[in-house]
Amino acid sequence: MALRRPPTRIELKADDVEEYDKIMKERKSLAEQLAMKEQTTKQKNAPNNTSDSFSFGVSPVSSQKKSAAERIGYHGPR
């Protein structure tokens, strides 16, 4: 028979809450900065004209399907 013990009690001080808020604000601002940086790099790398993406004979939809098939290990009919 197992002994039951009372639940562990965790007490937070005002300093702990302030530190938590500070850390969460820092993380949120870093995430926003990374998102902005990622967005700008995507815009720089994206073609300006949509007809350019089809000039290679591969549509973006088929390349997405190909990568999805590769991710799950599907090799198609042989």
C-alpha atoms as a PDB file:
ATOM      1  CA  MET A   1       0.000   0.000   0.000  1.00  0.00           C
ATOM      2  CA  ALA A   2       1.419   3.371  -1.059  1.00  0.00           C
ATOM      3  CA  LEU A   3       1.613   6.283   1.312  1.00  0.00           C
ATOM      4  CA  ARG A   4      -0.227   9.408   0.282  1.00  0.00           C
ATOM      5  CA  ARG A   5       1.558  12.646   0.842  1.00  0.00           C
ATOM      6  CA  PRO A   6       0.188  16.165   0.622  1.00  0.00           C
ATOM      7  CA  PRO A   7       0.779  17.977  -2.691  1.00  0.00           C
ATOM      8  CA  THR A   8       3.963  19.986  -2.964  1.00  0.00           C
ATOM      9  CA  ARG A   9       3.342  23.649  -2.397  1.00  0.00           C
ATOM     10  CA  ILE A  10       5.230  26.158  -4.521  1.00  0.00           C
ATOM     11  CA  GLU A  11       5.279  29.717  -3.300  1.00  0.00           C
ATOM     12  CA  LEU A  12       5.969  32.566  -5.684  1.00  0.00           C
ATOM     13  CA  LYS A  13       7.386  35.866  -4.586  1.00  0.00           C
ATOM     14  CA  ALA A  14       6.768  39.178  -6.318  1.00  0.00           C
ATOM     15  CA  ASP A  15      10.375  39.117  -7.578  1.00  0.00           C
ATOM     16  CA  ASP A  16       9.772  35.736  -9.210  1.00  0.00           C
ATOM     17  CA  VAL A  17       6.715  37.018 -11.057  1.00  0.00           C
ATOM     18  CA  GLU A  18       8.600  40.119 -12.234  1.00  0.00           C
ATOM     19  CA  GLU A  19      11.493  37.984 -13.457  1.00  0.00           C
ATOM     20  CA  TYR A  20       9.083  35.689 -15.307  1.00  0.00           C
ATOM     21  CA  ASP A  21       7.373  38.650 -16.977  1.00  0.00           C
ATOM     22  CA  LYS A  22      10.753  40.093 -17.998  1.00  0.00           C
ATOM     23  CA  ILE A  23      11.916  36.798 -19.522  1.00  0.00           C
ATOM     24  CA  MET A  24       8.631  36.315 -21.393  1.00  0.00           C
ATOM     25  CA  LYS A  25       8.818  39.841 -22.850  1.00  0.00           C
ATOM     26  CA  GLU A  26      12.391  39.192 -24.021  1.00  0.00           C
ATOM     27  CA  ARG A  27      11.396  35.895 -25.646  1.00  0.00           C
ATOM     28  CA  LYS A  28       8.388  37.467 -27.324  1.00  0.00           C
ATOM     29  CA  SER A  29      10.445  40.340 -28.737  1.00  0.00           C
ATOM     30  CA  LEU A  30      13.082  37.905 -30.029  1.00  0.00           C
ATOM     31  CA  ALA A  31      10.401  35.788 -31.684  1.00  0.00           C
ATOM     32  CA  GLU A  32       8.921  38.874 -33.342  1.00  0.00           C
ATOM     33  CA  GLN A  33      12.361  39.954 -34.568  1.00  0.00           C
ATOM     34  CA  LEU A  34      13.022  36.505 -36.022  1.00  0.00           C
ATOM     35  CA  ALA A  35       9.623  36.476 -37.703  1.00  0.00           C
ATOM     36  CA  MET A  36      10.264  39.890 -39.254  1.00  0.00           C
ATOM     37  CA  LYS A  37      13.724  38.791 -40.428  1.00  0.00           C
ATOM     38  CA  GLU A  38      12.285  35.587 -41.893  1.00  0.00           C
ATOM     39  CA  GLN A  39       9.551  37.531 -43.662  1.00  0.00           C
ATOM     40  CA  THR A  40      12.016  39.946 -45.242  1.00  0.00           C
ATOM     41  CA  THR A  41      14.262  37.130 -46.464  1.00  0.00           C
ATOM     42  CA  LYS A  42      11.249  35.353 -47.992  1.00  0.00           C
ATOM     43  CA  GLN A  43      10.238  38.550 -49.763  1.00  0.00           C
ATOM     44  CA  LYS A  44      13.764  39.036 -51.110  1.00  0.00           C
ATOM     45  CA  ASN A  45      13.972  35.448 -52.346  1.00  0.00           C
ATOM     46  CA  ALA A  46      10.469  35.362 -53.817  1.00  0.00           C
ATOM     47  CA  PRO A  47      10.224  36.056 -57.544  1.00  0.00           C
ATOM     48  CA  ASN A  48       8.629  39.360 -58.475  1.00  0.00           C
ATOM     49  CA  ASN A  49       6.792  37.933 -61.447  1.00  0.00           C
ATOM     50  CA  THR A  50       4.738  34.762 -61.043  1.00  0.00           C
ATOM     51  CA  SER A  51       5.457  33.740 -64.626  1.00  0.00           C
ATOM     52  CA  ASP A  52       9.133  33.343 -63.662  1.00  0.00           C
ATOM     53  CA  SER A  53       8.265  30.504 -61.294  1.00  0.00           C
ATOM     54  CA  PHE A  54       6.759  28.552 -64.208  1.00  0.00           C
ATOM     55  CA  SER A  55       9.620  29.206 -66.607  1.00  0.00           C
ATOM     56  CA  PHE A  56      11.479  26.124 -65.387  1.00  0.00           C
ATOM     57  CA  GLY A  57       8.557  23.838 -66.198  1.00  0.00           C
ATOM     58  CA  VAL A  58       7.834  23.015 -62.555  1.00  0.00           C
ATOM     59  CA  SER A  59       4.836  24.503 -60.867  1.00  0.00           C
ATOM     60  CA  PRO A  60       5.053  25.325 -57.161  1.00  0.00           C
ATOM     61  CA  VAL A  61       2.151  22.970 -56.430  1.00  0.00           C
ATOM     62  CA  SER A  62       3.849  19.937 -57.953  1.00  0.00           C
ATOM     63  CA  SER A  63       7.084  20.672 -56.102  1.00  0.00           C
ATOM     64  CA  GLN A  64       5.131  20.832 -52.836  1.00  0.00           C
ATOM     65  CA  LYS A  65       3.505  17.500 -53.584  1.00  0.00           C
ATOM     66  CA  LYS A  66       6.882  16.036 -54.429  1.00  0.00           C
ATOM     67  CA  SER A  67       8.399  17.150 -51.165  1.00  0.00           C
ATOM     68  CA  ALA A  68       5.397  15.829 -49.229  1.00  0.00           C
ATOM     69  CA  ALA A  69       5.725  12.472 -50.980  1.00  0.00           C
ATOM     70  CA  GLU A  70       9.423  12.405 -50.216  1.00  0.00           C
ATOM     71  CA  ARG A  71       8.755  13.218 -46.562  1.00  0.00           C
ATOM     72  CA  ILE A  72       6.494  10.206 -46.137  1.00  0.00           C
ATOM     73  CA  GLY A  73       8.739   7.923 -48.169  1.00  0.00           C
ATOM     74  CA  TYR A  74       6.463   7.477 -51.173  1.00  0.00           C
ATOM     75  CA  HIS A  75       8.419   6.713 -54.333  1.00  0.00           C
ATOM     76  CA  GLY A  76       5.518   6.311 -56.743  1.00  0.00           C
ATOM     77  CA  PRO A  77       4.772   3.452 -59.120  1.00  0.00           C
ATOM     78  CA  ARG A  78       7.835   1.692 -60.458  1.00  0.00           C
END
